N, C-alpha and C. Protein backbone atom coordinates (compact mmCIF):
# COMPACT_ATOMS: atom_id res chain seq x y z
N MET A 1 -36.51 59.72 47.88
CA MET A 1 -37.82 60.12 47.42
C MET A 1 -38.60 60.74 48.57
N SER A 2 -39.41 61.70 48.22
CA SER A 2 -40.23 62.35 49.24
C SER A 2 -41.42 61.45 49.61
N ARG A 3 -42.09 61.79 50.69
CA ARG A 3 -43.30 61.04 51.08
C ARG A 3 -44.36 61.09 49.99
N GLU A 4 -44.53 62.28 49.42
CA GLU A 4 -45.54 62.43 48.38
C GLU A 4 -45.21 61.58 47.16
N GLN A 5 -43.94 61.54 46.77
CA GLN A 5 -43.54 60.71 45.63
C GLN A 5 -43.79 59.24 45.92
N THR A 6 -43.43 58.81 47.12
CA THR A 6 -43.66 57.42 47.52
C THR A 6 -45.15 57.10 47.55
N ARG A 7 -45.95 58.02 48.08
CA ARG A 7 -47.40 57.84 48.12
C ARG A 7 -47.98 57.68 46.72
N VAL A 8 -47.54 58.52 45.79
CA VAL A 8 -48.05 58.46 44.42
C VAL A 8 -47.65 57.14 43.76
N LEU A 9 -46.42 56.71 43.95
CA LEU A 9 -45.98 55.43 43.37
C LEU A 9 -46.76 54.26 43.95
N ASP A 10 -46.97 54.28 45.26
CA ASP A 10 -47.76 53.22 45.90
C ASP A 10 -49.19 53.20 45.37
N LEU A 11 -49.79 54.37 45.24
CA LEU A 11 -51.15 54.48 44.73
C LEU A 11 -51.23 53.96 43.29
N ASN A 12 -50.26 54.34 42.48
CA ASN A 12 -50.19 53.85 41.10
C ASN A 12 -50.16 52.33 41.07
N GLU A 13 -49.30 51.76 41.93
CA GLU A 13 -49.17 50.31 41.97
C GLU A 13 -50.47 49.64 42.40
N LYS A 14 -51.12 50.19 43.43
CA LYS A 14 -52.40 49.62 43.90
C LYS A 14 -53.46 49.66 42.82
N ARG A 15 -53.44 50.70 42.01
CA ARG A 15 -54.43 50.84 40.92
C ARG A 15 -54.05 50.03 39.68
N GLY A 16 -52.85 49.46 39.69
CA GLY A 16 -52.38 48.69 38.54
C GLY A 16 -51.98 49.57 37.37
N GLN A 17 -51.67 50.82 37.65
CA GLN A 17 -51.26 51.75 36.60
C GLN A 17 -49.75 51.64 36.40
N PRO A 18 -49.30 51.64 35.15
CA PRO A 18 -47.86 51.51 34.91
C PRO A 18 -47.11 52.78 35.29
N LEU A 19 -45.86 52.59 35.65
CA LEU A 19 -44.95 53.70 35.85
C LEU A 19 -44.47 54.09 34.46
N THR A 20 -44.75 55.30 34.05
CA THR A 20 -44.42 55.75 32.70
C THR A 20 -43.06 56.42 32.73
N ILE A 21 -42.17 55.96 31.87
CA ILE A 21 -40.79 56.43 31.85
C ILE A 21 -40.43 56.91 30.46
N CYS A 22 -39.88 58.10 30.38
CA CYS A 22 -39.38 58.63 29.11
C CYS A 22 -38.15 57.83 28.70
N ALA A 23 -38.04 57.52 27.42
CA ALA A 23 -36.87 56.78 26.93
C ALA A 23 -35.56 57.48 27.30
N ALA A 24 -35.57 58.80 27.33
CA ALA A 24 -34.36 59.54 27.69
C ALA A 24 -33.94 59.28 29.14
N THR A 25 -34.87 58.89 29.99
CA THR A 25 -34.55 58.56 31.38
C THR A 25 -33.59 57.39 31.45
N LEU A 26 -33.71 56.44 30.53
CA LEU A 26 -32.81 55.29 30.51
C LEU A 26 -31.37 55.75 30.26
N ILE A 27 -31.21 56.72 29.37
CA ILE A 27 -29.88 57.27 29.10
C ILE A 27 -29.37 58.02 30.34
N GLU A 28 -30.26 58.78 30.97
CA GLU A 28 -29.86 59.50 32.17
C GLU A 28 -29.39 58.54 33.27
N LEU A 29 -30.10 57.45 33.46
CA LEU A 29 -29.69 56.45 34.44
C LEU A 29 -28.31 55.88 34.11
N ALA A 30 -28.08 55.58 32.84
CA ALA A 30 -26.78 55.06 32.42
C ALA A 30 -25.67 56.09 32.65
N LEU A 31 -25.95 57.35 32.36
CA LEU A 31 -24.96 58.41 32.59
C LEU A 31 -24.68 58.59 34.07
N LEU A 32 -25.71 58.54 34.88
CA LEU A 32 -25.52 58.67 36.33
C LEU A 32 -24.66 57.53 36.86
N HIS A 33 -24.92 56.33 36.36
CA HIS A 33 -24.11 55.19 36.76
C HIS A 33 -22.65 55.39 36.33
N ARG A 34 -22.47 55.76 35.10
CA ARG A 34 -21.12 55.96 34.56
C ARG A 34 -20.35 56.99 35.36
N ASP A 35 -21.04 58.05 35.75
CA ASP A 35 -20.40 59.14 36.46
C ASP A 35 -20.43 58.96 37.98
N GLY A 36 -20.98 57.83 38.44
CA GLY A 36 -20.99 57.53 39.87
C GLY A 36 -21.90 58.38 40.71
N GLY A 37 -22.98 58.88 40.12
CA GLY A 37 -23.82 59.84 40.83
C GLY A 37 -25.16 59.33 41.30
N ARG A 38 -25.72 60.04 42.21
CA ARG A 38 -27.09 60.01 42.72
C ARG A 38 -27.71 58.63 42.90
N GLY A 39 -27.03 57.74 43.61
CA GLY A 39 -27.67 56.52 44.08
C GLY A 39 -27.85 55.39 43.08
N VAL A 40 -27.45 55.55 41.83
CA VAL A 40 -27.60 54.45 40.89
C VAL A 40 -26.52 53.41 41.17
N GLY A 41 -25.29 53.88 41.42
CA GLY A 41 -24.19 53.02 41.84
C GLY A 41 -24.04 51.75 41.02
N GLN A 42 -23.77 50.67 41.72
CA GLN A 42 -23.53 49.38 41.07
C GLN A 42 -24.82 48.67 40.68
N ASP A 43 -25.95 49.23 41.05
CA ASP A 43 -27.23 48.56 40.81
C ASP A 43 -27.84 48.87 39.45
N ILE A 44 -27.06 49.42 38.53
CA ILE A 44 -27.63 49.84 37.24
C ILE A 44 -28.27 48.68 36.50
N ASP A 45 -27.62 47.51 36.50
CA ASP A 45 -28.20 46.36 35.79
C ASP A 45 -29.52 45.94 36.43
N ARG A 46 -29.59 45.98 37.75
CA ARG A 46 -30.84 45.63 38.44
C ARG A 46 -31.93 46.64 38.12
N VAL A 47 -31.57 47.92 38.14
CA VAL A 47 -32.55 48.98 37.84
C VAL A 47 -33.07 48.82 36.42
N LEU A 48 -32.17 48.67 35.46
CA LEU A 48 -32.60 48.55 34.06
C LEU A 48 -33.37 47.26 33.82
N SER A 49 -32.96 46.17 34.46
CA SER A 49 -33.68 44.90 34.31
C SER A 49 -35.09 44.99 34.88
N THR A 50 -35.22 45.69 36.00
CA THR A 50 -36.54 45.88 36.61
C THR A 50 -37.44 46.67 35.68
N ILE A 51 -36.90 47.72 35.10
CA ILE A 51 -37.68 48.53 34.16
C ILE A 51 -38.06 47.71 32.93
N GLU A 52 -37.11 46.96 32.41
CA GLU A 52 -37.35 46.17 31.19
C GLU A 52 -38.35 45.04 31.41
N ALA A 53 -38.23 44.35 32.52
CA ALA A 53 -39.06 43.17 32.76
C ALA A 53 -40.40 43.51 33.41
N GLY A 54 -40.46 44.66 34.04
CA GLY A 54 -41.64 44.98 34.83
C GLY A 54 -42.85 45.34 34.00
N PRO A 55 -43.94 44.60 34.19
CA PRO A 55 -45.18 44.97 33.50
C PRO A 55 -45.72 46.30 34.01
N ALA A 56 -45.19 46.74 35.16
CA ALA A 56 -45.65 47.99 35.74
C ALA A 56 -44.88 49.18 35.19
N CYS A 57 -44.02 48.96 34.21
CA CYS A 57 -43.26 50.06 33.60
C CYS A 57 -43.59 50.17 32.13
N ARG A 58 -43.81 51.38 31.69
CA ARG A 58 -44.08 51.65 30.28
C ARG A 58 -43.11 52.72 29.81
N ILE A 59 -42.32 52.41 28.80
CA ILE A 59 -41.33 53.34 28.28
C ILE A 59 -41.93 54.10 27.10
N LEU A 60 -41.91 55.42 27.22
CA LEU A 60 -42.43 56.28 26.15
C LEU A 60 -41.29 56.67 25.22
N PRO A 61 -41.43 56.37 23.94
CA PRO A 61 -40.38 56.73 22.98
C PRO A 61 -40.38 58.23 22.68
N ILE A 62 -39.26 58.68 22.13
CA ILE A 62 -39.17 60.05 21.65
C ILE A 62 -39.85 60.08 20.28
N THR A 63 -40.85 60.91 20.15
CA THR A 63 -41.63 60.99 18.91
C THR A 63 -41.40 62.35 18.24
N VAL A 64 -41.94 62.50 17.06
CA VAL A 64 -41.85 63.79 16.36
C VAL A 64 -42.52 64.87 17.20
N GLU A 65 -43.66 64.56 17.79
CA GLU A 65 -44.36 65.55 18.62
C GLU A 65 -43.50 65.96 19.82
N ILE A 66 -42.81 65.01 20.41
CA ILE A 66 -41.93 65.32 21.54
C ILE A 66 -40.74 66.15 21.06
N ALA A 67 -40.21 65.83 19.89
CA ALA A 67 -39.09 66.62 19.33
C ALA A 67 -39.53 68.07 19.09
N ARG A 68 -40.74 68.26 18.61
CA ARG A 68 -41.25 69.63 18.42
C ARG A 68 -41.37 70.36 19.75
N GLU A 69 -41.89 69.66 20.76
CA GLU A 69 -42.02 70.25 22.09
C GLU A 69 -40.63 70.56 22.66
N PHE A 70 -39.70 69.65 22.46
CA PHE A 70 -38.31 69.85 22.89
C PHE A 70 -37.77 71.15 22.32
N SER A 71 -38.00 71.33 21.04
CA SER A 71 -37.52 72.53 20.35
C SER A 71 -38.13 73.80 20.94
N SER A 72 -39.39 73.72 21.32
CA SER A 72 -40.06 74.92 21.83
C SER A 72 -39.64 75.28 23.25
N ILE A 73 -39.11 74.33 24.02
CA ILE A 73 -38.72 74.62 25.41
C ILE A 73 -37.22 74.51 25.64
N SER A 74 -36.45 74.30 24.61
CA SER A 74 -35.02 74.03 24.79
C SER A 74 -34.27 75.18 25.45
N GLN A 75 -34.79 76.38 25.43
CA GLN A 75 -34.12 77.50 26.09
C GLN A 75 -34.33 77.48 27.60
N GLY A 76 -35.34 76.72 28.07
CA GLY A 76 -35.67 76.71 29.49
C GLY A 76 -34.76 75.85 30.34
N LEU A 77 -34.12 74.86 29.76
CA LEU A 77 -33.24 73.96 30.49
C LEU A 77 -31.94 73.78 29.70
N ARG A 78 -30.85 73.64 30.41
CA ARG A 78 -29.56 73.45 29.72
C ARG A 78 -29.32 72.01 29.30
N ASP A 79 -29.75 71.08 30.13
CA ASP A 79 -29.47 69.66 29.90
C ASP A 79 -30.46 69.09 28.89
N PRO A 80 -29.97 68.57 27.75
CA PRO A 80 -30.88 68.05 26.73
C PRO A 80 -31.69 66.84 27.20
N ILE A 81 -31.14 66.03 28.09
CA ILE A 81 -31.90 64.88 28.59
C ILE A 81 -33.04 65.37 29.47
N ASP A 82 -32.77 66.32 30.34
CA ASP A 82 -33.84 66.91 31.15
C ASP A 82 -34.92 67.51 30.25
N THR A 83 -34.50 68.17 29.19
CA THR A 83 -35.44 68.79 28.27
C THR A 83 -36.30 67.72 27.59
N ALA A 84 -35.70 66.60 27.20
CA ALA A 84 -36.45 65.52 26.57
C ALA A 84 -37.46 64.92 27.56
N ILE A 85 -37.06 64.78 28.80
CA ILE A 85 -37.96 64.24 29.82
C ILE A 85 -39.14 65.19 30.05
N VAL A 86 -38.84 66.46 30.17
CA VAL A 86 -39.90 67.46 30.36
C VAL A 86 -40.82 67.51 29.14
N ALA A 87 -40.24 67.50 27.95
CA ALA A 87 -41.06 67.54 26.73
C ALA A 87 -41.98 66.32 26.66
N THR A 88 -41.48 65.16 27.05
CA THR A 88 -42.30 63.94 27.05
C THR A 88 -43.46 64.08 28.02
N ALA A 89 -43.17 64.57 29.22
CA ALA A 89 -44.24 64.75 30.22
C ALA A 89 -45.28 65.74 29.72
N ARG A 90 -44.82 66.81 29.07
CA ARG A 90 -45.77 67.82 28.58
C ARG A 90 -46.65 67.26 27.47
N VAL A 91 -46.06 66.56 26.53
CA VAL A 91 -46.82 66.01 25.41
C VAL A 91 -47.86 65.00 25.90
N HIS A 92 -47.49 64.19 26.87
CA HIS A 92 -48.40 63.16 27.38
C HIS A 92 -49.25 63.65 28.56
N ARG A 93 -49.09 64.93 28.90
CA ARG A 93 -49.84 65.55 30.00
C ARG A 93 -49.70 64.76 31.31
N LEU A 94 -48.44 64.48 31.63
CA LEU A 94 -48.12 63.72 32.84
C LEU A 94 -47.46 64.63 33.86
N LYS A 95 -47.66 64.32 35.12
CA LYS A 95 -46.90 64.98 36.18
C LYS A 95 -45.58 64.26 36.28
N LEU A 96 -44.53 65.02 36.47
CA LEU A 96 -43.18 64.46 36.52
C LEU A 96 -42.76 64.26 37.96
N LEU A 97 -42.32 63.05 38.27
CA LEU A 97 -41.80 62.74 39.59
C LEU A 97 -40.29 62.99 39.53
N THR A 98 -39.84 64.05 40.19
CA THR A 98 -38.42 64.41 40.14
C THR A 98 -38.03 65.19 41.38
N SER A 99 -36.75 65.13 41.67
CA SER A 99 -36.19 65.99 42.72
C SER A 99 -35.16 66.94 42.10
N ASP A 100 -35.08 66.93 40.77
CA ASP A 100 -34.13 67.79 40.06
C ASP A 100 -34.57 69.25 40.19
N GLN A 101 -33.79 70.01 40.92
CA GLN A 101 -34.16 71.40 41.22
C GLN A 101 -34.21 72.28 39.98
N ARG A 102 -33.41 71.97 38.97
CA ARG A 102 -33.47 72.77 37.73
C ARG A 102 -34.79 72.56 37.02
N ILE A 103 -35.26 71.32 36.99
CA ILE A 103 -36.56 71.04 36.35
C ILE A 103 -37.67 71.68 37.17
N ILE A 104 -37.64 71.49 38.48
CA ILE A 104 -38.67 72.05 39.35
C ILE A 104 -38.70 73.57 39.21
N GLY A 105 -37.55 74.20 39.25
CA GLY A 105 -37.45 75.65 39.16
C GLY A 105 -37.83 76.21 37.81
N SER A 106 -37.79 75.38 36.78
CA SER A 106 -38.10 75.87 35.43
C SER A 106 -39.59 76.21 35.28
N GLY A 107 -40.45 75.55 36.05
CA GLY A 107 -41.89 75.78 35.91
C GLY A 107 -42.48 75.30 34.61
N LEU A 108 -41.74 74.45 33.89
CA LEU A 108 -42.17 74.01 32.57
C LEU A 108 -43.14 72.83 32.59
N VAL A 109 -43.25 72.17 33.73
CA VAL A 109 -44.06 70.96 33.79
C VAL A 109 -44.60 70.80 35.22
N SER A 110 -45.75 70.14 35.34
CA SER A 110 -46.30 69.83 36.65
C SER A 110 -45.41 68.78 37.32
N ILE A 111 -45.16 68.98 38.60
CA ILE A 111 -44.20 68.15 39.33
C ILE A 111 -44.88 67.47 40.52
N ILE A 112 -44.43 66.25 40.80
CA ILE A 112 -44.74 65.59 42.06
C ILE A 112 -43.46 65.71 42.88
N GLU A 113 -43.51 66.52 43.93
CA GLU A 113 -42.30 66.73 44.75
C GLU A 113 -42.30 65.88 45.99
């Protein structure tokens, strides 16, 4: 994570604001674990348990409004999970904390880099 991302997470925690997570992110974490990628490794159960038990985490479901947004931006990204995450951020007017260069390069959502 970048310094700015860490700063934003720390500030959120100090303010008692929940970390908002798109439901599709849970699938992405599971896929990353399955495929052995990007730092999830063997800690998937710990990561998911932390998200599930943590009062500081709020999971946003995929709604009809998000599905409509997904449909309108689906040409901008190839990965459907990335598209669902971006659509969720757009619908809820959230900045997305990501290092995914495809999402950043798409210009479809405000990013915390």
